[in-house]
């Protein structure tokens, strides 16, 4: 389900940037989250949500990363699950994210119609 929300954000970002009469063909960027993401699932949701927009038919070329966290209690570095920074070693909720989060579009290839 989370991939659907991220795909919608990507479609919206592309539609805002691609002028009418043009078509996005390739979106290159990054996606960093605190849970494991499935690139195929994101592309599938993107394809469905992009139908009838300037993003329809575009290929996603995303670098997916799982953001690490560090426990402020015991110092353990771990991969959080489901947006929760619960330390697997000591159970502390006091975790700090170590990497950038969110999504970014680095380049957008567009074909003039």
PDB file of N, CA and C in Angstrom:
ATOM      1  N   UNK A   1       0.819  -1.196   0.000  1.00  0.00           N
ATOM      2  CA  UNK A   1       0.000   0.000   0.000  1.00  0.00           C
ATOM      3  C   UNK A   1       0.867   1.266   0.000  1.00  0.00           C
ATOM      4  N   UNK A   2       1.973   1.231   0.732  1.00  0.00           N
ATOM      5  CA  UNK A   2       2.840   2.396   0.816  1.00  0.00           C
ATOM      6  C   UNK A   2       3.407   2.764  -0.550  1.00  0.00           C
ATOM      7  N   UNK A   3       3.722   1.777  -1.365  1.00  0.00           N
ATOM      8  CA  UNK A   3       4.240   2.035  -2.699  1.00  0.00           C
ATOM      9  C   UNK A   3       3.245   2.826  -3.540  1.00  0.00           C
ATOM     10  N   UNK A   4       1.949   2.604  -3.320  1.00  0.00           N
ATOM     11  CA  UNK A   4       0.915   3.339  -4.046  1.00  0.00           C
ATOM     12  C   UNK A   4       0.968   4.835  -3.726  1.00  0.00           C
ATOM     13  N   UNK A   5       1.140   5.163  -2.464  1.00  0.00           N
ATOM     14  CA  UNK A   5       1.220   6.568  -2.046  1.00  0.00           C
ATOM     15  C   UNK A   5       2.455   7.227  -2.666  1.00  0.00           C
ATOM     16  N   UNK A   6       3.577   6.537  -2.634  1.00  0.00           N
ATOM     17  CA  UNK A   6       4.803   7.076  -3.217  1.00  0.00           C
ATOM     18  C   UNK A   6       4.667   7.236  -4.727  1.00  0.00           C
ATOM     19  N   UNK A   7       4.037   6.275  -5.382  1.00  0.00           N
ATOM     20  CA  UNK A   7       3.816   6.366  -6.826  1.00  0.00           C
ATOM     21  C   UNK A   7       2.927   7.558  -7.161  1.00  0.00           C
ATOM     22  N   UNK A   8       1.913   7.803  -6.346  1.00  0.00           N
ATOM     23  CA  UNK A   8       1.041   8.964  -6.573  1.00  0.00           C
ATOM     24  C   UNK A   8       1.833  10.265  -6.450  1.00  0.00           C
ATOM     25  N   UNK A   9       2.730  10.345  -5.480  1.00  0.00           N
ATOM     26  CA  UNK A   9       3.560  11.533  -5.326  1.00  0.00           C
ATOM     27  C   UNK A   9       4.445  11.743  -6.549  1.00  0.00           C
ATOM     28  N   UNK A  10       4.979  10.658  -7.090  1.00  0.00           N
ATOM     29  CA  UNK A  10       5.793  10.755  -8.294  1.00  0.00           C
ATOM     30  C   UNK A  10       4.979  11.223  -9.489  1.00  0.00           C
ATOM     31  N   UNK A  11       3.804  10.641  -9.681  1.00  0.00           N
ATOM     32  CA  UNK A  11       2.934  11.062 -10.792  1.00  0.00           C
ATOM     33  C   UNK A  11       2.610  12.542 -10.665  1.00  0.00           C
ATOM     34  N   UNK A  12       2.226  12.976  -9.478  1.00  0.00           N
ATOM     35  CA  UNK A  12       1.890  14.389  -9.266  1.00  0.00           C
ATOM     36  C   UNK A  12       3.074  15.302  -9.571  1.00  0.00           C
ATOM     37  N   UNK A  13       4.271  14.903  -9.144  1.00  0.00           N
ATOM     38  CA  UNK A  13       5.469  15.708  -9.396  1.00  0.00           C
ATOM     39  C   UNK A  13       5.750  15.812 -10.890  1.00  0.00           C
ATOM     40  N   UNK A  14       5.574  14.714 -11.612  1.00  0.00           N
ATOM     41  CA  UNK A  14       5.819  14.725 -13.057  1.00  0.00           C
ATOM     42  C   UNK A  14       4.778  15.583 -13.763  1.00  0.00           C
ATOM     43  N   UNK A  15       3.520  15.408 -13.421  1.00  0.00           N
ATOM     44  CA  UNK A  15       2.442  16.170 -14.066  1.00  0.00           C
ATOM     45  C   UNK A  15       2.641  17.678 -13.854  1.00  0.00           C
ATOM     46  N   UNK A  16       3.135  18.064 -12.686  1.00  0.00           N
ATOM     47  CA  UNK A  16       3.395  19.487 -12.411  1.00  0.00           C
ATOM     48  C   UNK A  16       4.520  20.045 -13.270  1.00  0.00           C
ATOM     49  N   UNK A  17       5.444  19.192 -13.703  1.00  0.00           N
ATOM     50  CA  UNK A  17       6.639  19.656 -14.407  1.00  0.00           C
ATOM     51  C   UNK A  17       6.587  19.505 -15.930  1.00  0.00           C
ATOM     52  N   UNK A  18       5.773  18.593 -16.430  1.00  0.00           N
ATOM     53  CA  UNK A  18       5.735  18.338 -17.869  1.00  0.00           C
ATOM     54  C   UNK A  18       4.607  19.162 -18.487  1.00  0.00           C
ATOM     55  N   UNK A  19       4.944  20.030 -19.423  1.00  0.00           N
ATOM     56  CA  UNK A  19       3.913  20.878 -20.026  1.00  0.00           C
ATOM     57  C   UNK A  19       2.927  20.085 -20.881  1.00  0.00           C
ATOM     58  N   UNK A  20       1.742  20.619 -21.005  1.00  0.00           N
ATOM     59  CA  UNK A  20       0.728  20.001 -21.864  1.00  0.00           C
ATOM     60  C   UNK A  20       1.292  19.895 -23.275  1.00  0.00           C
ATOM     61  N   UNK A  21       0.976  18.803 -23.931  1.00  0.00           N
ATOM     62  CA  UNK A  21       1.478  18.573 -25.279  1.00  0.00           C
ATOM     63  C   UNK A  21       2.798  17.821 -25.306  1.00  0.00           C
ATOM     64  N   UNK A  22       3.336  17.515 -24.127  1.00  0.00           N
ATOM     65  CA  UNK A  22       4.567  16.738 -24.022  1.00  0.00           C
ATOM     66  C   UNK A  22       4.282  15.495 -23.203  1.00  0.00           C
ATOM     67  N   UNK A  23       5.204  14.553 -23.250  1.00  0.00           N
ATOM     68  CA  UNK A  23       5.028  13.293 -22.533  1.00  0.00           C
ATOM     69  C   UNK A  23       6.335  12.926 -21.847  1.00  0.00           C
ATOM     70  N   UNK A  24       6.269  12.613 -20.555  1.00  0.00           N
ATOM     71  CA  UNK A  24       7.452  12.126 -19.839  1.00  0.00           C
ATOM     72  C   UNK A  24       7.781  10.729 -20.343  1.00  0.00           C
ATOM     73  N   UNK A  25       9.063  10.449 -20.546  1.00  0.00           N
ATOM     74  CA  UNK A  25       9.468   9.122 -21.002  1.00  0.00           C
ATOM     75  C   UNK A  25      10.301   8.378 -19.964  1.00  0.00           C
ATOM     76  N   UNK A  26      11.060   9.120 -19.147  1.00  0.00           N
ATOM     77  CA  UNK A  26      11.903   8.486 -18.129  1.00  0.00           C
ATOM     78  C   UNK A  26      12.079   9.439 -16.953  1.00  0.00           C
ATOM     79  N   UNK A  27      11.929   8.875 -15.758  1.00  0.00           N
ATOM     80  CA  UNK A  27      12.110   9.634 -14.529  1.00  0.00           C
ATOM     81  C   UNK A  27      13.256   8.978 -13.759  1.00  0.00           C
ATOM     82  N   UNK A  28      14.304   9.744 -13.511  1.00  0.00           N
ATOM     83  CA  UNK A  28      15.446   9.250 -12.759  1.00  0.00           C
ATOM     84  C   UNK A  28      15.473   9.969 -11.417  1.00  0.00           C
ATOM     85  N   UNK A  29      15.664   9.198 -10.361  1.00  0.00           N
ATOM     86  CA  UNK A  29      15.702   9.827  -9.048  1.00  0.00           C
ATOM     87  C   UNK A  29      16.006   8.846  -7.950  1.00  0.00           C
ATOM     88  N   UNK A  30      15.660   9.219  -6.740  1.00  0.00           N
ATOM     89  CA  UNK A  30      15.930   8.398  -5.567  1.00  0.00           C
ATOM     90  C   UNK A  30      14.708   8.371  -4.657  1.00  0.00           C
ATOM     91  N   UNK A  31      14.643   7.314  -3.886  1.00  0.00           N
ATOM     92  CA  UNK A  31      13.553   7.117  -2.944  1.00  0.00           C
ATOM     93  C   UNK A  31      14.150   6.454  -1.712  1.00  0.00           C
ATOM     94  N   UNK A  32      14.105   7.152  -0.596  1.00  0.00           N
ATOM     95  CA  UNK A  32      14.695   6.655   0.648  1.00  0.00           C
ATOM     96  C   UNK A  32      13.614   6.610   1.718  1.00  0.00           C
ATOM     97  N   UNK A  33      13.393   5.432   2.268  1.00  0.00           N
ATOM     98  CA  UNK A  33      12.330   5.214   3.237  1.00  0.00           C
ATOM     99  C   UNK A  33      12.817   4.388   4.412  1.00  0.00           C
ATOM    100  N   UNK A  34      12.009   4.338   5.458  1.00  0.00           N
ATOM    101  CA  UNK A  34      12.333   3.549   6.645  1.00  0.00           C
ATOM    102  C   UNK A  34      11.689   2.176   6.604  1.00  0.00           C
ATOM    103  N   UNK A  35      11.388   1.717   5.422  1.00  0.00           N
ATOM    104  CA  UNK A  35      10.905   0.347   5.245  1.00  0.00           C
ATOM    105  C   UNK A  35      11.375  -0.157   3.890  1.00  0.00           C
ATOM    106  N   UNK A  36      11.396  -1.446   3.735  1.00  0.00           N
ATOM    107  CA  UNK A  36      11.821  -2.034   2.467  1.00  0.00           C
ATOM    108  C   UNK A  36      10.769  -1.744   1.408  1.00  0.00           C
ATOM    109  N   UNK A  37      11.208  -1.271   0.255  1.00  0.00           N
ATOM    110  CA  UNK A  37      10.296  -0.937  -0.837  1.00  0.00           C
ATOM    111  C   UNK A  37      10.543  -1.882  -2.003  1.00  0.00           C
ATOM    112  N   UNK A  38       9.498  -2.067  -2.793  1.00  0.00           N
ATOM    113  CA  UNK A  38       9.578  -2.942  -3.949  1.00  0.00           C
ATOM    114  C   UNK A  38       9.485  -2.084  -5.210  1.00  0.00           C
ATOM    115  N   UNK A  39      10.577  -2.041  -5.968  1.00  0.00           N
ATOM    116  CA  UNK A  39      10.613  -1.225  -7.180  1.00  0.00           C
ATOM    117  C   UNK A  39       9.580  -1.628  -8.211  1.00  0.00           C
ATOM    118  N   UNK A  40       9.353  -2.936  -8.378  1.00  0.00           N
ATOM    119  CA  UNK A  40       8.343  -3.396  -9.335  1.00  0.00           C
ATOM    120  C   UNK A  40       6.950  -2.933  -8.927  1.00  0.00           C
ATOM    121  N   UNK A  41       6.677  -2.969  -7.629  1.00  0.00           N
ATOM    122  CA  UNK A  41       5.376  -2.532  -7.131  1.00  0.00           C
ATOM    123  C   UNK A  41       5.186  -1.034  -7.356  1.00  0.00           C
ATOM    124  N   UNK A  42       6.234  -0.260  -7.134  1.00  0.00           N
ATOM    125  CA  UNK A  42       6.141   1.183  -7.362  1.00  0.00           C
ATOM    126  C   UNK A  42       5.863   1.453  -8.837  1.00  0.00           C
ATOM    127  N   UNK A  43       6.569   0.761  -9.744  1.00  0.00           N
ATOM    128  CA  UNK A  43       6.343   0.951 -11.173  1.00  0.00           C
ATOM    129  C   UNK A  43       4.918   0.566 -11.559  1.00  0.00           C
ATOM    130  N   UNK A  44       4.405  -0.531 -11.022  1.00  0.00           N
ATOM    131  CA  UNK A  44       3.048  -0.974 -11.317  1.00  0.00           C
ATOM    132  C   UNK A  44       2.018   0.071 -10.881  1.00  0.00           C
ATOM    133  N   UNK A  45       2.160   0.566  -9.658  1.00  0.00           N
ATOM    134  CA  UNK A  45       1.242   1.605  -9.175  1.00  0.00           C
ATOM    135  C   UNK A  45       1.393   2.879 -10.002  1.00  0.00           C
ATOM    136  N   UNK A  46       2.633   3.245 -10.309  1.00  0.00           N
ATOM    137  CA  UNK A  46       2.885   4.426 -11.120  1.00  0.00           C
ATOM    138  C   UNK A  46       2.183   4.310 -12.467  1.00  0.00           C
ATOM    139  N   UNK A  47       2.339   3.156 -13.128  1.00  0.00           N
ATOM    140  CA  UNK A  47       1.717   2.942 -14.442  1.00  0.00           C
ATOM    141  C   UNK A  47       0.202   3.108 -14.370  1.00  0.00           C
ATOM    142  N   UNK A  48      -0.416   2.545 -13.347  1.00  0.00           N
ATOM    143  CA  UNK A  48      -1.879   2.649 -13.199  1.00  0.00           C
ATOM    144  C   UNK A  48      -2.320   4.076 -12.913  1.00  0.00           C
ATOM    145  N   UNK A  49      -1.604   4.766 -12.039  1.00  0.00           N
ATOM    146  CA  UNK A  49      -1.978   6.122 -11.653  1.00  0.00           C
ATOM    147  C   UNK A  49      -1.671   7.151 -12.740  1.00  0.00           C
ATOM    148  N   UNK A  50      -0.714   6.838 -13.607  1.00  0.00           N
ATOM    149  CA  UNK A  50      -0.296   7.790 -14.639  1.00  0.00           C
ATOM    150  C   UNK A  50      -1.185   7.769 -15.882  1.00  0.00           C
ATOM    151  N   UNK A  51      -2.065   6.798 -15.999  1.00  0.00           N
ATOM    152  CA  UNK A  51      -2.912   6.696 -17.193  1.00  0.00           C
ATOM    153  C   UNK A  51      -3.666   7.999 -17.427  1.00  0.00           C
ATOM    154  N   UNK A  52      -3.577   8.479 -18.674  1.00  0.00           N
ATOM    155  CA  UNK A  52      -4.288   9.694 -19.052  1.00  0.00           C
ATOM    156  C   UNK A  52      -3.583  10.982 -18.656  1.00  0.00           C
ATOM    157  N   UNK A  53      -2.335  10.886 -18.143  1.00  0.00           N
ATOM    158  CA  UNK A  53      -1.588  12.080 -17.750  1.00  0.00           C
ATOM    159  C   UNK A  53      -0.319  12.196 -18.587  1.00  0.00           C
ATOM    160  N   UNK A  54       0.417  13.276 -18.388  1.00  0.00           N
ATOM    161  CA  UNK A  54       1.685  13.463 -19.093  1.00  0.00           C
ATOM    162  C   UNK A  54       2.769  12.508 -18.583  1.00  0.00           C
ATOM    163  N   UNK A  55       2.459  11.739 -17.542  1.00  0.00           N
ATOM    164  CA  UNK A  55       3.405  10.748 -17.008  1.00  0.00           C
ATOM    165  C   UNK A  55       3.158   9.352 -17.568  1.00  0.00           C
ATOM    166  N   UNK A  56       2.071   9.179 -18.317  1.00  0.00           N
ATOM    167  CA  UNK A  56       1.734   7.847 -18.833  1.00  0.00           C
ATOM    168  C   UNK A  56       2.850   7.298 -19.716  1.00  0.00           C
ATOM    169  N   UNK A  57       3.225   6.047 -19.449  1.00  0.00           N
ATOM    170  CA  UNK A  57       4.229   5.361 -20.238  1.00  0.00           C
ATOM    171  C   UNK A  57       5.665   5.630 -19.810  1.00  0.00           C
ATOM    172  N   UNK A  58       5.865   6.504 -18.838  1.00  0.00           N
ATOM    173  CA  UNK A  58       7.228   6.815 -18.401  1.00  0.00           C
ATOM    174  C   UNK A  58       7.824   5.659 -17.606  1.00  0.00           C
ATOM    175  N   UNK A  59       9.110   5.477 -17.765  1.00  0.00           N
ATOM    176  CA  UNK A  59       9.849   4.465 -17.032  1.00  0.00           C
ATOM    177  C   UNK A  59      10.480   5.102 -15.802  1.00  0.00           C
ATOM    178  N   UNK A  60      10.373   4.411 -14.678  1.00  0.00           N
ATOM    179  CA  UNK A  60      11.015   4.884 -13.457  1.00  0.00           C
ATOM    180  C   UNK A  60      12.405   4.267 -13.338  1.00  0.00           C
ATOM    181  N   UNK A  61      13.371   5.098 -13.094  1.00  0.00           N
ATOM    182  CA  UNK A  61      14.738   4.644 -12.828  1.00  0.00           C
ATOM    183  C   UNK A  61      15.111   5.219 -11.469  1.00  0.00           C
ATOM    184  N   UNK A  62      14.666   4.528 -10.411  1.00  0.00           N
ATOM    185  CA  UNK A  62      14.831   5.027  -9.052  1.00  0.00           C
ATOM    186  C   UNK A  62      15.859   4.211  -8.285  1.00  0.00           C
ATOM    187  N   UNK A  63      16.652   4.893  -7.512  1.00  0.00           N
ATOM    188  CA  UNK A  63      17.532   4.243  -6.564  1.00  0.00           C
ATOM    189  C   UNK A  63      16.759   4.150  -5.251  1.00  0.00           C
ATOM    190  N   UNK A  64      16.487   2.918  -4.812  1.00  0.00           N
ATOM    191  CA  UNK A  64      15.732   2.695  -3.581  1.00  0.00           C
ATOM    192  C   UNK A  64      16.700   2.401  -2.447  1.00  0.00           C
ATOM    193  N   UNK A  65      16.535   3.099  -1.336  1.00  0.00           N
ATOM    194  CA  UNK A  65      17.376   2.835  -0.178  1.00  0.00           C
ATOM    195  C   UNK A  65      16.532   2.730   1.081  1.00  0.00           C
ATOM    196  N   UNK A  66      16.975   1.879   1.979  1.00  0.00           N
ATOM    197  CA  UNK A  66      16.333   1.714   3.286  1.00  0.00           C
ATOM    198  C   UNK A  66      17.150   2.556   4.259  1.00  0.00           C
ATOM    199  N   UNK A  67      16.519   3.553   4.856  1.00  0.00           N
ATOM    200  CA  UNK A  67      17.181   4.497   5.739  1.00  0.00           C
ATOM    201  C   UNK A  67      17.576   3.813   7.053  1.00  0.00           C
ATOM    202  N   UNK A  68      18.811   4.035   7.473  1.00  0.00           N
ATOM    203  CA  UNK A  68      19.299   3.474   8.727  1.00  0.00           C
ATOM    204  C   UNK A  68      18.959   4.395   9.899  1.00  0.00           C
ATOM    205  N   UNK A  69      18.905   3.812  11.078  1.00  0.00           N
ATOM    206  CA  UNK A  69      18.688   4.578  12.303  1.00  0.00           C
ATOM    207  C   UNK A  69      19.736   4.177  13.327  1.00  0.00           C
ATOM    208  N   UNK A  70      19.993   5.087  14.260  1.00  0.00           N
ATOM    209  CA  UNK A  70      20.923   4.799  15.353  1.00  0.00           C
ATOM    210  C   UNK A  70      20.188   5.009  16.671  1.00  0.00           C
ATOM    211  N   UNK A  71      20.284   4.003  17.544  1.00  0.00           N
ATOM    212  CA  UNK A  71      19.664   4.081  18.862  1.00  0.00           C
ATOM    213  C   UNK A  71      20.475   5.030  19.738  1.00  0.00           C
ATOM    214  N   UNK A  72      19.795   6.024  20.307  1.00  0.00           N
ATOM    215  CA  UNK A  72      20.473   6.964  21.201  1.00  0.00           C
ATOM    216  C   UNK A  72      20.735   6.335  22.565  1.00  0.00           C
ATOM    217  N   UNK A  73      20.049   5.227  22.857  1.00  0.00           N
ATOM    218  CA  UNK A  73      20.246   4.552  24.136  1.00  0.00           C
ATOM    219  C   UNK A  73      21.470   3.663  24.169  1.00  0.00           C
ATOM    220  N   UNK A  74      21.592   2.771  23.153  1.00  0.00           N
ATOM    221  CA  UNK A  74      22.690   1.799  23.190  1.00  0.00           C
ATOM    222  C   UNK A  74      23.673   1.935  22.037  1.00  0.00           C
ATOM    223  N   UNK A  75      23.373   2.791  21.062  1.00  0.00           N
ATOM    224  CA  UNK A  75      24.289   3.015  19.955  1.00  0.00           C
ATOM    225  C   UNK A  75      24.138   2.070  18.779  1.00  0.00           C
ATOM    226  N   UNK A  76      23.209   1.131  18.863  1.00  0.00           N
ATOM    227  CA  UNK A  76      22.968   0.168  17.774  1.00  0.00           C
ATOM    228  C   UNK A  76      22.524   0.905  16.503  1.00  0.00           C
ATOM    229  N   UNK A  77      23.101   0.522  15.360  1.00  0.00           N
ATOM    230  CA  UNK A  77      22.656   1.014  14.058  1.00  0.00           C
ATOM    231  C   UNK A  77      21.833  -0.096  13.432  1.00  0.00           C
ATOM    232  N   UNK A  78      20.619   0.241  12.966  1.00  0.00           N
ATOM    233  CA  UNK A  78      19.679  -0.775  12.488  1.00  0.00           C
ATOM    234  C   UNK A  78      18.783  -0.200  11.406  1.00  0.00           C
ATOM    235  N   UNK A  79      18.030  -1.084  10.755  1.00  0.00           N
ATOM    236  CA  UNK A  79      17.058  -0.682   9.743  1.00  0.00           C
ATOM    237  C   UNK A  79      15.676  -0.681  10.382  1.00  0.00           C
ATOM    238  N   UNK A  80      15.063   0.492  10.543  1.00  0.00           N
ATOM    239  CA  UNK A  80      13.730   0.546  11.143  1.00  0.00           C
ATOM    240  C   UNK A  80      12.697  -0.160  10.273  1.00  0.00           C
ATOM    241  N   UNK A  81      11.610  -0.539  10.897  1.00  0.00           N
ATOM    242  CA  UNK A  81      10.512  -1.170  10.164  1.00  0.00           C
ATOM    243  C   UNK A  81       9.250  -0.347  10.338  1.00  0.00           C
ATOM    244  N   UNK A  82       8.551  -0.134   9.250  1.00  0.00           N
ATOM    245  CA  UNK A  82       7.236   0.522   9.257  1.00  0.00           C
ATOM    246  C   UNK A  82       7.259   1.880   9.946  1.00  0.00           C
ATOM    247  N   UNK A  83       8.282   2.672   9.672  1.00  0.00           N
ATOM    248  CA  UNK A  83       8.402   4.038  10.192  1.00  0.00           C
ATOM    249  C   UNK A  83       8.575   4.104  11.703  1.00  0.00           C
ATOM    250  N   UNK A  84       8.875   2.994  12.356  1.00  0.00           N
ATOM    251  CA  UNK A  84       9.078   2.980  13.800  1.00  0.00           C
ATOM    252  C   UNK A  84      10.560   2.806  14.093  1.00  0.00           C
ATOM    253  N   UNK A  85      11.097   3.669  14.928  1.00  0.00           N
ATOM    254  CA  UNK A  85      12.508   3.570  15.276  1.00  0.00           C
ATOM    255  C   UNK A  85      12.664   2.830  16.609  1.00  0.00           C
ATOM    256  N   UNK A  86      12.170   1.611  16.645  1.00  0.00           N
ATOM    257  CA  UNK A  86      12.307   0.760  17.833  1.00  0.00           C
ATOM    258  C   UNK A  86      13.617  -0.016  17.702  1.00  0.00           C
ATOM    259  N   UNK A  87      14.511   0.181  18.662  1.00  0.00           N
ATOM    260  CA  UNK A  87      15.799  -0.490  18.612  1.00  0.00           C
ATOM    261  C   UNK A  87      15.610  -1.993  18.818  1.00  0.00           C
ATOM    262  N   UNK A  88      16.150  -2.804  17.906  1.00  0.00           N
ATOM    263  CA  UNK A  88      16.007  -4.252  18.058  1.00  0.00           C
ATOM    264  C   UNK A  88      16.867  -4.821  19.204  1.00  0.00           C
ATOM    265  N   UNK A  89      17.840  -4.043  19.672  1.00  0.00           N
ATOM    266  CA  UNK A  89      18.707  -4.535  20.744  1.00  0.00           C
ATOM    267  C   UNK A  89      18.163  -4.233  22.134  1.00  0.00           C
ATOM    268  N   UNK A  90      17.727  -2.966  22.342  1.00  0.00           N
ATOM    269  CA  UNK A  90      17.318  -2.579  23.697  1.00  0.00           C
ATOM    270  C   UNK A  90      15.857  -2.158  23.808  1.00  0.00           C
ATOM    271  N   UNK A  91      15.158  -2.020  22.665  1.00  0.00           N
ATOM    272  CA  UNK A  91      13.750  -1.653  22.680  1.00  0.00           C
ATOM    273  C   UNK A  91      13.467  -0.164  22.813  1.00  0.00           C
ATOM    274  N   UNK A  92      14.501   0.650  22.844  1.00  0.00           N
ATOM    275  CA  UNK A  92      14.327   2.095  22.970  1.00  0.00           C
ATOM    276  C   UNK A  92      13.606   2.659  21.742  1.00  0.00           C
ATOM    277  N   UNK A  93      12.810   3.693  21.965  1.00  0.00           N
ATOM    278  CA  UNK A  93      12.128   4.396  20.875  1.00  0.00           C
ATOM    279  C   UNK A  93      12.890   5.654  20.472  1.00  0.00           C
ATOM    280  N   UNK A  94      14.043   5.871  21.082  1.00  0.00           N
ATOM    281  CA  UNK A  94      14.827   7.080  20.858  1.00  0.00           C
ATOM    282  C   UNK A  94      15.866   6.833  19.777  1.00  0.00           C
ATOM    283  N   UNK A  95      15.405   6.756  18.536  1.00  0.00           N
ATOM    284  CA  UNK A  95      16.296   6.515  17.407  1.00  0.00           C
ATOM    285  C   UNK A  95      16.417   7.748  16.542  1.00  0.00           C
ATOM    286  N   UNK A  96      17.571   7.918  15.946  1.00  0.00           N
ATOM    287  CA  UNK A  96      17.833   9.031  15.040  1.00  0.00           C
ATOM    288  C   UNK A  96      18.087   8.471  13.647  1.00  0.00           C
ATOM    289  N   UNK A  97      17.389   9.004  12.650  1.00  0.00           N
ATOM    290  CA  UNK A  97      17.603   8.570  11.268  1.00  0.00           C
ATOM    291  C   UNK A  97      18.943   9.102  10.782  1.00  0.00           C
ATOM    292  N   UNK A  98      19.711   8.246  10.134  1.00  0.00           N
ATOM    293  CA  UNK A  98      21.062   8.596   9.704  1.00  0.00           C
ATOM    294  C   UNK A  98      21.142   9.031   8.251  1.00  0.00           C
ATOM    295  N   UNK A  99      20.165   8.704   7.459  1.00  0.00           N
ATOM    296  CA  UNK A  99      20.216   8.987   6.031  1.00  0.00           C
ATOM    297  C   UNK A  99      19.050   9.887   5.626  1.00  0.00           C
ATOM    298  N   UNK A 100      19.164  10.462   4.432  1.00  0.00           N
ATOM    299  CA  UNK A 100      18.083  11.312   3.929  1.00  0.00           C
ATOM    300  C   UNK A 100      16.844  10.457   3.673  1.00  0.00           C
ATOM    301  N   UNK A 101      15.685  11.067   3.809  1.00  0.00           N
ATOM    302  CA  UNK A 101      14.423  10.376   3.560  1.00  0.00           C
ATOM    303  C   UNK A 101      13.663  11.099   2.456  1.00  0.00           C
ATOM    304  N   UNK A 102      12.650  10.444   1.953  1.00  0.00           N
ATOM    305  CA  UNK A 102      11.785  11.054   0.956  1.00  0.00           C
ATOM    306  C   UNK A 102      12.121  10.606  -0.445  1.00  0.00           C
ATOM    307  N   UNK A 103      11.744  11.442  -1.404  1.00  0.00           N
ATOM    308  CA  UNK A 103      12.018  11.123  -2.788  1.00  0.00           C
ATOM    309  C   UNK A 103      12.476  12.362  -3.512  1.00  0.00           C
ATOM    310  N   UNK A 104      13.246  12.151  -4.537  1.00  0.00           N
ATOM    311  CA  UNK A 104      13.739  13.264  -5.332  1.00  0.00           C
ATOM    312  C   UNK A 104      13.832  12.865  -6.793  1.00  0.00           C
ATOM    313  N   UNK A 105      13.516  13.795  -7.653  1.00  0.00           N
ATOM    314  CA  UNK A 105      13.651  13.585  -9.091  1.00  0.00           C
ATOM    315  C   UNK A 105      14.921  14.289  -9.523  1.00  0.00           C
ATOM    316  N   UNK A 106      15.862  13.516 -10.071  1.00  0.00           N
ATOM    317  CA  UNK A 106      17.131  14.091 -10.512  1.00  0.00           C
ATOM    318  C   UNK A 106      17.086  14.518 -11.968  1.00  0.00           C
ATOM    319  N   UNK A 107      16.362  13.762 -12.792  1.00  0.00           N
ATOM    320  CA  UNK A 107      16.203  14.156 -14.184  1.00  0.00           C
ATOM    321  C   UNK A 107      14.880  13.620 -14.716  1.00  0.00           C
ATOM    322  N   UNK A 108      14.394  14.312 -15.714  1.00  0.00           N
ATOM    323  CA  UNK A 108      13.102  13.980 -16.307  1.00  0.00           C
ATOM    324  C   UNK A 108      13.260  14.102 -17.818  1.00  0.00           C
ATOM    325  N   UNK A 109      13.142  12.979 -18.512  1.00  0.00           N
ATOM    326  CA  UNK A 109      13.219  12.990 -19.969  1.00  0.00           C
ATOM    327  C   UNK A 109      11.811  13.179 -20.519  1.00  0.00           C
ATOM    328  N   UNK A 110      11.694  14.073 -21.486  1.00  0.00           N
ATOM    329  CA  UNK A 110      10.388  14.440 -22.022  1.00  0.00           C
ATOM    330  C   UNK A 110      10.443  14.378 -23.550  1.00  0.00           C
ATOM    331  N   UNK A 111       9.354  13.867 -24.123  1.00  0.00           N
ATOM    332  CA  UNK A 111       9.196  13.826 -25.582  1.00  0.00           C
ATOM    333  C   UNK A 111       8.116  14.835 -25.956  1.00  0.00           C
ATOM    334  N   UNK A 112       8.448  15.679 -26.906  1.00  0.00           N
ATOM    335  CA  UNK A 112       7.460  16.635 -27.415  1.00  0.00           C
ATOM    336  C   UNK A 112       6.473  15.903 -28.300  1.00  0.00           C
ATOM    337  N   UNK A 113       5.200  16.153 -28.095  1.00  0.00           N
ATOM    338  CA  UNK A 113       4.174  15.470 -28.913  1.00  0.00           C
ATOM    339  C   UNK A 113       3.864  16.244 -30.168  1.00  0.00           C
TER     340      UNK A 113
END
